[in-house]
Amino acid sequence: MHQLMGAYALFGRLKLAGALVSGVAIFAMMCLIVADVVSRNFLGGSIGGSFEIVQNYFMPLAVFPALPYVYGSGVLPRMDLAMHRAPRRAQDAVVYLLLLVEVALFAVLAYYTWEFAATGRERGTEFVAGGDLYLLWPLFYLVPLSFALVLVETLFVLLRNVLGDRVSIAMHDGPEVEAL
């Protein structure tokens, strides 16, 4: 169990790096939008392609790198509303079933979004912004990478449940994510 928690701590650093990338993207998006508004109001015109750059670069960078961090933090709602009324064995069974469904779901999502990203790479998908062409396909890989990291998070939780002495729906021991 100690090795599992050590590996999870290392994985936590990777998740935190993704959250930091998202934070930087949000800050850069804010700066570009403010500069565009100032340019429109004081200089008589918008920054060419700013809307497309925000839409195609900053928005995916703001969401997908942080997804594993948010998922692992336990802030997303879970379907455990009435679990405290069920017997302990039923609670444990529901947690295992939920985790197995999540593993299957995120594995399928990672696989098919990887296929989509590979197709975008083969086609050399680009977008037009301010009269220039910008590569779009590299950002397609953020989606399967994010789903793969959420899959790893779910596998960590499943392993913790199998190897541990109690069943939980998350790696953290806080009351907000612990099975009741």
N, C-alpha and C. Protein backbone atom coordinates (compact mmCIF):
# COMPACT_ATOMS: atom_id res chain seq x y z
N MET A 1 0.83 -1.19 0.00
CA MET A 1 0.00 0.00 0.00
C MET A 1 0.87 1.26 0.00
N HIS A 2 2.03 1.17 0.69
CA HIS A 2 2.94 2.32 0.75
C HIS A 2 3.45 2.67 -0.65
N GLN A 3 3.77 1.65 -1.45
CA GLN A 3 4.25 1.90 -2.81
C GLN A 3 3.17 2.52 -3.67
N LEU A 4 1.94 2.08 -3.48
CA LEU A 4 0.81 2.64 -4.23
C LEU A 4 0.67 4.13 -3.91
N MET A 5 0.74 4.48 -2.65
CA MET A 5 0.59 5.88 -2.27
C MET A 5 1.78 6.72 -2.76
N GLY A 6 2.97 6.13 -2.79
CA GLY A 6 4.12 6.83 -3.35
C GLY A 6 3.97 7.10 -4.83
N ALA A 7 3.48 6.10 -5.57
CA ALA A 7 3.22 6.28 -7.00
C ALA A 7 2.11 7.31 -7.21
N TYR A 8 1.11 7.30 -6.33
CA TYR A 8 0.03 8.26 -6.46
C TYR A 8 0.52 9.68 -6.17
N ALA A 9 1.46 9.84 -5.26
CA ALA A 9 2.03 11.17 -4.99
C ALA A 9 2.76 11.69 -6.23
N LEU A 10 3.48 10.82 -6.91
CA LEU A 10 4.15 11.21 -8.15
C LEU A 10 3.13 11.57 -9.22
N PHE A 11 2.08 10.77 -9.31
CA PHE A 11 0.99 11.06 -10.25
C PHE A 11 0.32 12.38 -9.90
N GLY A 12 0.23 12.70 -8.62
CA GLY A 12 -0.35 13.96 -8.17
C GLY A 12 0.43 15.16 -8.69
N ARG A 13 1.74 15.03 -8.80
CA ARG A 13 2.56 16.11 -9.35
C ARG A 13 2.23 16.33 -10.83
N LEU A 14 2.00 15.23 -11.55
CA LEU A 14 1.62 15.34 -12.95
C LEU A 14 0.26 16.02 -13.09
N LYS A 15 -0.68 15.66 -12.23
CA LYS A 15 -1.99 16.30 -12.25
C LYS A 15 -1.88 17.79 -11.92
N LEU A 16 -1.05 18.13 -10.95
CA LEU A 16 -0.85 19.53 -10.58
C LEU A 16 -0.23 20.31 -11.72
N ALA A 17 0.71 19.70 -12.44
CA ALA A 17 1.30 20.37 -13.61
C ALA A 17 0.23 20.67 -14.65
N GLY A 18 -0.70 19.74 -14.85
CA GLY A 18 -1.80 19.99 -15.78
C GLY A 18 -2.67 21.14 -15.31
N ALA A 19 -2.94 21.20 -14.02
CA ALA A 19 -3.73 22.31 -13.49
C ALA A 19 -3.01 23.64 -13.67
N LEU A 20 -1.70 23.63 -13.52
CA LEU A 20 -0.92 24.86 -13.72
C LEU A 20 -0.96 25.29 -15.19
N VAL A 21 -0.86 24.33 -16.10
CA VAL A 21 -0.97 24.65 -17.53
C VAL A 21 -2.32 25.30 -17.81
N SER A 22 -3.38 24.74 -17.22
CA SER A 22 -4.71 25.33 -17.41
C SER A 22 -4.78 26.74 -16.83
N GLY A 23 -4.19 26.95 -15.68
CA GLY A 23 -4.18 28.28 -15.07
C GLY A 23 -3.45 29.29 -15.94
N VAL A 24 -2.31 28.90 -16.49
CA VAL A 24 -1.56 29.80 -17.38
C VAL A 24 -2.38 30.10 -18.63
N ALA A 25 -3.06 29.08 -19.16
CA ALA A 25 -3.89 29.29 -20.35
C ALA A 25 -5.04 30.25 -20.06
N ILE A 26 -5.64 30.12 -18.90
CA ILE A 26 -6.73 31.03 -18.52
C ILE A 26 -6.21 32.46 -18.38
N PHE A 27 -5.04 32.61 -17.76
CA PHE A 27 -4.46 33.94 -17.62
C PHE A 27 -4.11 34.54 -18.98
N ALA A 28 -3.51 33.74 -19.87
CA ALA A 28 -3.16 34.23 -21.21
C ALA A 28 -4.42 34.57 -22.00
N MET A 29 -5.46 33.76 -21.85
CA MET A 29 -6.73 34.04 -22.52
C MET A 29 -7.30 35.37 -22.02
N MET A 30 -7.24 35.58 -20.72
CA MET A 30 -7.74 36.83 -20.15
C MET A 30 -6.95 38.01 -20.71
N CYS A 31 -5.63 37.88 -20.78
CA CYS A 31 -4.81 38.98 -21.28
C CYS A 31 -5.12 39.28 -22.74
N LEU A 32 -5.30 38.24 -23.56
CA LEU A 32 -5.61 38.46 -24.97
C LEU A 32 -6.99 39.10 -25.14
N ILE A 33 -7.95 38.68 -24.36
CA ILE A 33 -9.29 39.27 -24.45
C ILE A 33 -9.27 40.73 -24.01
N VAL A 34 -8.56 41.03 -22.94
CA VAL A 34 -8.46 42.42 -22.48
C VAL A 34 -7.75 43.27 -23.54
N ALA A 35 -6.67 42.74 -24.10
CA ALA A 35 -5.96 43.48 -25.15
C ALA A 35 -6.85 43.70 -26.36
N ASP A 36 -7.67 42.72 -26.71
CA ASP A 36 -8.58 42.87 -27.84
C ASP A 36 -9.65 43.93 -27.57
N VAL A 37 -10.18 43.94 -26.36
CA VAL A 37 -11.19 44.95 -26.00
C VAL A 37 -10.57 46.34 -26.00
N VAL A 38 -9.39 46.48 -25.44
CA VAL A 38 -8.70 47.77 -25.43
C VAL A 38 -8.41 48.21 -26.86
N SER A 39 -7.95 47.28 -27.68
CA SER A 39 -7.66 47.60 -29.08
C SER A 39 -8.91 48.04 -29.82
N ARG A 40 -10.01 47.36 -29.58
CA ARG A 40 -11.27 47.71 -30.23
C ARG A 40 -11.77 49.09 -29.81
N ASN A 41 -11.64 49.39 -28.53
CA ASN A 41 -12.19 50.66 -28.02
C ASN A 41 -11.28 51.86 -28.22
N PHE A 42 -9.98 51.65 -28.21
CA PHE A 42 -9.07 52.80 -28.27
C PHE A 42 -8.28 52.89 -29.57
N LEU A 43 -8.12 51.78 -30.27
CA LEU A 43 -7.31 51.80 -31.49
C LEU A 43 -8.14 51.59 -32.75
N GLY A 44 -9.44 51.39 -32.59
CA GLY A 44 -10.32 51.32 -33.74
C GLY A 44 -10.48 49.97 -34.40
N GLY A 45 -9.92 48.91 -33.85
CA GLY A 45 -10.09 47.59 -34.46
C GLY A 45 -9.62 46.48 -33.55
N SER A 46 -10.13 45.31 -33.81
CA SER A 46 -9.77 44.14 -33.00
C SER A 46 -8.42 43.58 -33.40
N ILE A 47 -7.87 42.78 -32.54
CA ILE A 47 -6.66 42.02 -32.85
C ILE A 47 -7.08 40.89 -33.78
N GLY A 48 -6.46 40.80 -34.92
CA GLY A 48 -6.84 39.81 -35.93
C GLY A 48 -6.70 38.38 -35.41
N GLY A 49 -7.78 37.64 -35.48
CA GLY A 49 -7.75 36.22 -35.11
C GLY A 49 -7.83 35.94 -33.63
N SER A 50 -8.07 36.96 -32.81
CA SER A 50 -8.06 36.72 -31.36
C SER A 50 -9.18 35.77 -30.94
N PHE A 51 -10.36 35.92 -31.54
CA PHE A 51 -11.48 35.04 -31.19
C PHE A 51 -11.14 33.59 -31.52
N GLU A 52 -10.59 33.35 -32.69
CA GLU A 52 -10.25 31.99 -33.11
C GLU A 52 -9.13 31.39 -32.26
N ILE A 53 -8.17 32.21 -31.87
CA ILE A 53 -7.09 31.71 -31.03
C ILE A 53 -7.61 31.34 -29.65
N VAL A 54 -8.50 32.17 -29.09
CA VAL A 54 -9.11 31.85 -27.80
C VAL A 54 -9.92 30.55 -27.92
N GLN A 55 -10.71 30.47 -28.97
CA GLN A 55 -11.59 29.30 -29.15
C GLN A 55 -10.81 28.01 -29.39
N ASN A 56 -9.78 28.06 -30.21
CA ASN A 56 -9.10 26.84 -30.62
C ASN A 56 -7.86 26.48 -29.81
N TYR A 57 -7.25 27.44 -29.13
CA TYR A 57 -6.07 27.16 -28.33
C TYR A 57 -6.34 27.28 -26.83
N PHE A 58 -6.79 28.46 -26.42
CA PHE A 58 -6.88 28.72 -24.99
C PHE A 58 -8.00 27.94 -24.30
N MET A 59 -9.15 27.80 -24.95
CA MET A 59 -10.25 27.07 -24.30
C MET A 59 -9.88 25.59 -24.06
N PRO A 60 -9.37 24.85 -25.05
CA PRO A 60 -8.96 23.46 -24.75
C PRO A 60 -7.84 23.39 -23.71
N LEU A 61 -6.90 24.34 -23.78
CA LEU A 61 -5.82 24.36 -22.80
C LEU A 61 -6.31 24.72 -21.40
N ALA A 62 -7.42 25.43 -21.31
CA ALA A 62 -7.98 25.80 -20.01
C ALA A 62 -8.73 24.63 -19.38
N VAL A 63 -9.29 23.75 -20.19
CA VAL A 63 -10.15 22.69 -19.66
C VAL A 63 -9.43 21.35 -19.50
N PHE A 64 -8.86 20.85 -20.56
CA PHE A 64 -8.41 19.45 -20.56
C PHE A 64 -7.20 19.14 -19.69
N PRO A 65 -6.16 19.97 -19.62
CA PRO A 65 -5.06 19.62 -18.72
C PRO A 65 -5.46 19.56 -17.25
N ALA A 66 -6.46 20.34 -16.84
CA ALA A 66 -6.89 20.36 -15.44
C ALA A 66 -7.90 19.27 -15.11
N LEU A 67 -8.45 18.60 -16.11
CA LEU A 67 -9.50 17.61 -15.87
C LEU A 67 -9.07 16.50 -14.91
N PRO A 68 -7.88 15.89 -15.06
CA PRO A 68 -7.49 14.87 -14.08
C PRO A 68 -7.36 15.41 -12.65
N TYR A 69 -6.86 16.62 -12.50
CA TYR A 69 -6.74 17.22 -11.17
C TYR A 69 -8.11 17.43 -10.54
N VAL A 70 -9.03 17.98 -11.31
CA VAL A 70 -10.37 18.24 -10.80
C VAL A 70 -11.08 16.94 -10.47
N TYR A 71 -10.94 15.96 -11.35
CA TYR A 71 -11.60 14.66 -11.11
C TYR A 71 -11.05 14.00 -9.84
N GLY A 72 -9.74 14.06 -9.66
CA GLY A 72 -9.12 13.44 -8.50
C GLY A 72 -9.32 14.20 -7.20
N SER A 73 -9.68 15.48 -7.29
CA SER A 73 -9.83 16.28 -6.07
C SER A 73 -11.12 15.99 -5.33
N GLY A 74 -12.08 15.36 -5.99
CA GLY A 74 -13.33 15.01 -5.34
C GLY A 74 -14.37 16.10 -5.35
N VAL A 75 -14.16 17.17 -6.13
CA VAL A 75 -15.14 18.25 -6.16
C VAL A 75 -16.28 17.97 -7.14
N LEU A 76 -16.09 17.03 -8.05
CA LEU A 76 -17.16 16.70 -8.98
C LEU A 76 -18.22 15.89 -8.25
N PRO A 77 -19.48 16.11 -8.56
CA PRO A 77 -20.54 15.37 -7.86
C PRO A 77 -20.51 13.88 -8.19
N ARG A 78 -20.83 13.09 -7.22
CA ARG A 78 -20.90 11.64 -7.38
C ARG A 78 -22.31 11.18 -7.08
N MET A 79 -22.63 10.00 -7.54
CA MET A 79 -23.97 9.45 -7.35
C MET A 79 -24.01 8.60 -6.08
N ASP A 80 -23.71 9.20 -4.95
CA ASP A 80 -23.71 8.47 -3.69
C ASP A 80 -24.69 9.09 -2.69
N LEU A 81 -25.72 9.71 -3.21
CA LEU A 81 -26.66 10.45 -2.38
C LEU A 81 -27.34 9.58 -1.33
N ALA A 82 -27.84 8.42 -1.71
CA ALA A 82 -28.59 7.57 -0.78
C ALA A 82 -27.78 6.37 -0.30
N MET A 83 -26.49 6.38 -0.52
CA MET A 83 -25.68 5.21 -0.17
C MET A 83 -25.62 4.98 1.34
N HIS A 84 -25.69 6.02 2.12
CA HIS A 84 -25.56 5.85 3.57
C HIS A 84 -26.72 5.04 4.15
N ARG A 85 -27.81 4.90 3.44
CA ARG A 85 -28.95 4.13 3.92
C ARG A 85 -28.82 2.64 3.63
N ALA A 86 -27.94 2.29 2.71
CA ALA A 86 -27.76 0.88 2.33
C ALA A 86 -26.83 0.18 3.31
N PRO A 87 -26.93 -1.15 3.41
CA PRO A 87 -25.98 -1.90 4.23
C PRO A 87 -24.55 -1.72 3.71
N ARG A 88 -23.59 -1.90 4.58
CA ARG A 88 -22.18 -1.67 4.24
C ARG A 88 -21.74 -2.51 3.03
N ARG A 89 -22.15 -3.75 2.96
CA ARG A 89 -21.75 -4.62 1.84
C ARG A 89 -22.32 -4.10 0.53
N ALA A 90 -23.55 -3.59 0.57
CA ALA A 90 -24.16 -3.02 -0.63
C ALA A 90 -23.42 -1.74 -1.05
N GLN A 91 -23.03 -0.94 -0.06
CA GLN A 91 -22.26 0.27 -0.36
C GLN A 91 -20.95 -0.09 -1.05
N ASP A 92 -20.26 -1.08 -0.51
CA ASP A 92 -18.99 -1.51 -1.10
C ASP A 92 -19.20 -2.02 -2.52
N ALA A 93 -20.25 -2.79 -2.74
CA ALA A 93 -20.54 -3.33 -4.07
C ALA A 93 -20.83 -2.21 -5.06
N VAL A 94 -21.57 -1.20 -4.62
CA VAL A 94 -21.89 -0.06 -5.49
C VAL A 94 -20.61 0.71 -5.84
N VAL A 95 -19.73 0.90 -4.87
CA VAL A 95 -18.47 1.60 -5.13
C VAL A 95 -17.63 0.84 -6.15
N TYR A 96 -17.49 -0.46 -5.97
CA TYR A 96 -16.73 -1.26 -6.93
C TYR A 96 -17.37 -1.23 -8.31
N LEU A 97 -18.69 -1.34 -8.37
CA LEU A 97 -19.38 -1.29 -9.65
C LEU A 97 -19.19 0.07 -10.32
N LEU A 98 -19.31 1.13 -9.55
CA LEU A 98 -19.10 2.48 -10.08
C LEU A 98 -17.69 2.63 -10.64
N LEU A 99 -16.70 2.15 -9.90
CA LEU A 99 -15.32 2.27 -10.36
C LEU A 99 -15.07 1.45 -11.62
N LEU A 100 -15.64 0.27 -11.70
CA LEU A 100 -15.47 -0.55 -12.90
C LEU A 100 -16.14 0.09 -14.11
N VAL A 101 -17.30 0.69 -13.91
CA VAL A 101 -17.96 1.40 -15.00
C VAL A 101 -17.12 2.60 -15.44
N GLU A 102 -16.56 3.33 -14.48
CA GLU A 102 -15.71 4.47 -14.81
C GLU A 102 -14.46 4.03 -15.57
N VAL A 103 -13.85 2.94 -15.15
CA VAL A 103 -12.66 2.43 -15.87
C VAL A 103 -13.03 2.13 -17.32
N ALA A 104 -14.13 1.42 -17.52
CA ALA A 104 -14.55 1.08 -18.88
C ALA A 104 -14.87 2.34 -19.68
N LEU A 105 -15.59 3.27 -19.08
CA LEU A 105 -15.99 4.49 -19.77
C LEU A 105 -14.77 5.32 -20.18
N PHE A 106 -13.85 5.56 -19.26
CA PHE A 106 -12.69 6.38 -19.59
C PHE A 106 -11.73 5.69 -20.53
N ALA A 107 -11.67 4.36 -20.49
CA ALA A 107 -10.86 3.63 -21.46
C ALA A 107 -11.43 3.80 -22.87
N VAL A 108 -12.73 3.68 -23.00
CA VAL A 108 -13.37 3.86 -24.31
C VAL A 108 -13.20 5.30 -24.79
N LEU A 109 -13.41 6.26 -23.90
CA LEU A 109 -13.24 7.67 -24.28
C LEU A 109 -11.80 7.96 -24.72
N ALA A 110 -10.84 7.46 -23.98
CA ALA A 110 -9.43 7.68 -24.34
C ALA A 110 -9.12 7.05 -25.70
N TYR A 111 -9.61 5.86 -25.93
CA TYR A 111 -9.34 5.17 -27.18
C TYR A 111 -9.91 5.93 -28.38
N TYR A 112 -11.19 6.25 -28.32
CA TYR A 112 -11.83 6.89 -29.47
C TYR A 112 -11.39 8.33 -29.68
N THR A 113 -11.08 9.04 -28.63
CA THR A 113 -10.56 10.39 -28.83
C THR A 113 -9.13 10.36 -29.36
N TRP A 114 -8.38 9.31 -29.01
CA TRP A 114 -7.04 9.13 -29.61
C TRP A 114 -7.17 8.89 -31.12
N GLU A 115 -8.14 8.08 -31.51
CA GLU A 115 -8.39 7.84 -32.93
C GLU A 115 -8.74 9.15 -33.65
N PHE A 116 -9.58 9.96 -33.02
CA PHE A 116 -9.94 11.26 -33.60
C PHE A 116 -8.71 12.15 -33.75
N ALA A 117 -7.86 12.19 -32.72
CA ALA A 117 -6.65 13.01 -32.77
C ALA A 117 -5.70 12.52 -33.87
N ALA A 118 -5.58 11.20 -34.00
CA ALA A 118 -4.71 10.65 -35.04
C ALA A 118 -5.24 11.00 -36.43
N THR A 119 -6.55 10.97 -36.59
CA THR A 119 -7.15 11.36 -37.87
C THR A 119 -6.90 12.83 -38.15
N GLY A 120 -7.01 13.67 -37.14
CA GLY A 120 -6.71 15.09 -37.31
C GLY A 120 -5.26 15.33 -37.69
N ARG A 121 -4.36 14.55 -37.12
CA ARG A 121 -2.94 14.66 -37.47
C ARG A 121 -2.71 14.25 -38.92
N GLU A 122 -3.33 13.15 -39.33
CA GLU A 122 -3.17 12.68 -40.71
C GLU A 122 -3.69 13.70 -41.70
N ARG A 123 -4.76 14.37 -41.37
CA ARG A 123 -5.34 15.38 -42.26
C ARG A 123 -4.63 16.72 -42.15
N GLY A 124 -3.84 16.89 -41.11
CA GLY A 124 -3.16 18.17 -40.90
C GLY A 124 -4.13 19.29 -40.60
N THR A 125 -5.08 19.03 -39.71
CA THR A 125 -6.15 19.98 -39.41
C THR A 125 -5.58 21.32 -38.93
N GLU A 126 -6.06 22.39 -39.57
CA GLU A 126 -5.64 23.75 -39.24
C GLU A 126 -6.88 24.64 -39.14
N PHE A 127 -6.68 25.84 -38.64
CA PHE A 127 -7.75 26.83 -38.63
C PHE A 127 -7.18 28.17 -39.06
N VAL A 128 -8.07 29.02 -39.57
CA VAL A 128 -7.68 30.34 -40.03
C VAL A 128 -7.95 31.35 -38.92
N ALA A 129 -6.95 32.17 -38.64
CA ALA A 129 -7.09 33.24 -37.64
C ALA A 129 -6.28 34.44 -38.13
N GLY A 130 -6.97 35.54 -38.35
CA GLY A 130 -6.29 36.76 -38.78
C GLY A 130 -5.61 36.62 -40.13
N GLY A 131 -6.14 35.77 -40.98
CA GLY A 131 -5.58 35.57 -42.31
C GLY A 131 -4.45 34.56 -42.38
N ASP A 132 -4.07 33.97 -41.26
CA ASP A 132 -3.00 32.96 -41.25
C ASP A 132 -3.57 31.60 -40.86
N LEU A 133 -2.86 30.55 -41.24
CA LEU A 133 -3.24 29.19 -40.84
C LEU A 133 -2.44 28.78 -39.62
N TYR A 134 -3.14 28.19 -38.65
CA TYR A 134 -2.51 27.70 -37.43
C TYR A 134 -2.85 26.22 -37.27
N LEU A 135 -1.88 25.45 -36.81
CA LEU A 135 -2.13 24.02 -36.57
C LEU A 135 -3.14 23.84 -35.46
N LEU A 136 -4.06 22.93 -35.68
CA LEU A 136 -5.06 22.62 -34.66
C LEU A 136 -4.89 21.21 -34.12
N TRP A 137 -4.43 20.30 -34.95
CA TRP A 137 -4.41 18.89 -34.55
C TRP A 137 -3.58 18.59 -33.31
N PRO A 138 -2.50 19.30 -32.99
CA PRO A 138 -1.78 18.94 -31.76
C PRO A 138 -2.64 19.06 -30.50
N LEU A 139 -3.57 20.00 -30.51
CA LEU A 139 -4.44 20.15 -29.34
C LEU A 139 -5.46 19.03 -29.23
N PHE A 140 -5.72 18.33 -30.32
CA PHE A 140 -6.63 17.18 -30.27
C PHE A 140 -6.11 16.12 -29.30
N TYR A 141 -4.80 16.04 -29.12
CA TYR A 141 -4.22 15.02 -28.24
C TYR A 141 -4.42 15.33 -26.76
N LEU A 142 -4.81 16.56 -26.44
CA LEU A 142 -5.11 16.88 -25.04
C LEU A 142 -6.29 16.06 -24.52
N VAL A 143 -7.26 15.82 -25.38
CA VAL A 143 -8.47 15.13 -24.95
C VAL A 143 -8.18 13.68 -24.56
N PRO A 144 -7.56 12.86 -25.42
CA PRO A 144 -7.29 11.48 -24.98
C PRO A 144 -6.29 11.42 -23.83
N LEU A 145 -5.34 12.34 -23.79
CA LEU A 145 -4.39 12.36 -22.68
C LEU A 145 -5.12 12.64 -21.37
N SER A 146 -6.04 13.58 -21.39
CA SER A 146 -6.80 13.89 -20.18
C SER A 146 -7.65 12.70 -19.74
N PHE A 147 -8.34 12.06 -20.68
CA PHE A 147 -9.16 10.91 -20.33
C PHE A 147 -8.29 9.75 -19.85
N ALA A 148 -7.10 9.58 -20.43
CA ALA A 148 -6.19 8.53 -19.98
C ALA A 148 -5.72 8.80 -18.55
N LEU A 149 -5.46 10.05 -18.21
CA LEU A 149 -5.05 10.38 -16.85
C LEU A 149 -6.19 10.20 -15.85
N VAL A 150 -7.41 10.49 -16.27
CA VAL A 150 -8.57 10.23 -15.40
C VAL A 150 -8.73 8.72 -15.22
N LEU A 151 -8.47 7.96 -16.28
CA LEU A 151 -8.49 6.49 -16.17
C LEU A 151 -7.45 6.01 -15.17
N VAL A 152 -6.25 6.57 -15.21
CA VAL A 152 -5.21 6.20 -14.24
C VAL A 152 -5.65 6.55 -12.82
N GLU A 153 -6.26 7.70 -12.65
CA GLU A 153 -6.79 8.10 -11.34
C GLU A 153 -7.79 7.07 -10.83
N THR A 154 -8.70 6.66 -11.70
CA THR A 154 -9.71 5.68 -11.32
C THR A 154 -9.08 4.34 -10.99
N LEU A 155 -8.05 3.96 -11.73
CA LEU A 155 -7.35 2.70 -11.43
C LEU A 155 -6.64 2.78 -10.09
N PHE A 156 -6.08 3.93 -9.76
CA PHE A 156 -5.47 4.11 -8.43
C PHE A 156 -6.51 3.90 -7.33
N VAL A 157 -7.69 4.49 -7.51
CA VAL A 157 -8.76 4.35 -6.51
C VAL A 157 -9.18 2.88 -6.40
N LEU A 158 -9.32 2.22 -7.53
CA LEU A 158 -9.70 0.81 -7.53
C LEU A 158 -8.65 -0.05 -6.82
N LEU A 159 -7.38 0.20 -7.12
CA LEU A 159 -6.31 -0.54 -6.44
C LEU A 159 -6.28 -0.26 -4.95
N ARG A 160 -6.51 0.99 -4.57
CA ARG A 160 -6.54 1.32 -3.14
C ARG A 160 -7.66 0.55 -2.44
N ASN A 161 -8.79 0.42 -3.10
CA ASN A 161 -9.90 -0.32 -2.51
C ASN A 161 -9.59 -1.81 -2.40
N VAL A 162 -8.95 -2.36 -3.40
CA VAL A 162 -8.62 -3.78 -3.38
C VAL A 162 -7.55 -4.08 -2.33
N LEU A 163 -6.55 -3.20 -2.23
CA LEU A 163 -5.44 -3.44 -1.31
C LEU A 163 -5.68 -2.89 0.10
N GLY A 164 -6.62 -1.97 0.24
CA GLY A 164 -6.83 -1.31 1.53
C GLY A 164 -7.80 -2.05 2.43
N ASP A 165 -8.04 -1.45 3.58
CA ASP A 165 -8.92 -2.08 4.58
C ASP A 165 -10.34 -1.53 4.54
N ARG A 166 -10.57 -0.49 3.76
CA ARG A 166 -11.92 0.04 3.63
C ARG A 166 -12.15 0.51 2.20
N VAL A 167 -13.39 0.65 1.82
CA VAL A 167 -13.75 1.03 0.46
C VAL A 167 -14.07 2.51 0.42
N SER A 168 -13.57 3.20 -0.60
CA SER A 168 -13.76 4.63 -0.76
C SER A 168 -13.92 4.93 -2.25
N ILE A 169 -14.59 6.02 -2.56
CA ILE A 169 -14.78 6.39 -3.95
C ILE A 169 -13.68 7.33 -4.46
N ALA A 170 -12.69 7.64 -3.64
CA ALA A 170 -11.59 8.52 -4.05
C ALA A 170 -10.33 8.16 -3.27
N MET A 171 -9.22 8.69 -3.71
CA MET A 171 -7.95 8.44 -3.04
C MET A 171 -7.82 9.22 -1.74
N HIS A 172 -8.51 10.34 -1.63
CA HIS A 172 -8.41 11.18 -0.45
C HIS A 172 -9.33 10.67 0.65
N ASP A 173 -8.98 10.95 1.88
CA ASP A 173 -9.76 10.48 3.02
C ASP A 173 -10.75 11.50 3.55
N GLY A 174 -10.92 12.60 2.85
CA GLY A 174 -11.83 13.65 3.34
C GLY A 174 -13.27 13.17 3.40
N PRO A 175 -14.06 13.78 4.29
CA PRO A 175 -15.45 13.34 4.46
C PRO A 175 -16.29 13.59 3.22
N GLU A 176 -15.90 14.55 2.37
CA GLU A 176 -16.72 14.86 1.21
C GLU A 176 -16.61 13.82 0.10
N VAL A 177 -15.55 12.97 0.15
CA VAL A 177 -15.39 11.98 -0.92
C VAL A 177 -15.39 10.56 -0.39
N GLU A 178 -15.48 10.39 0.88
CA GLU A 178 -15.44 9.06 1.46
C GLU A 178 -16.82 8.41 1.39
N ALA A 179 -16.85 7.13 1.06
CA ALA A 179 -18.13 6.40 1.07
C ALA A 179 -18.65 6.35 2.50
N LEU A 180 -19.91 6.62 2.67
CA LEU A 180 -20.48 6.71 4.02
C LEU A 180 -20.76 5.35 4.61
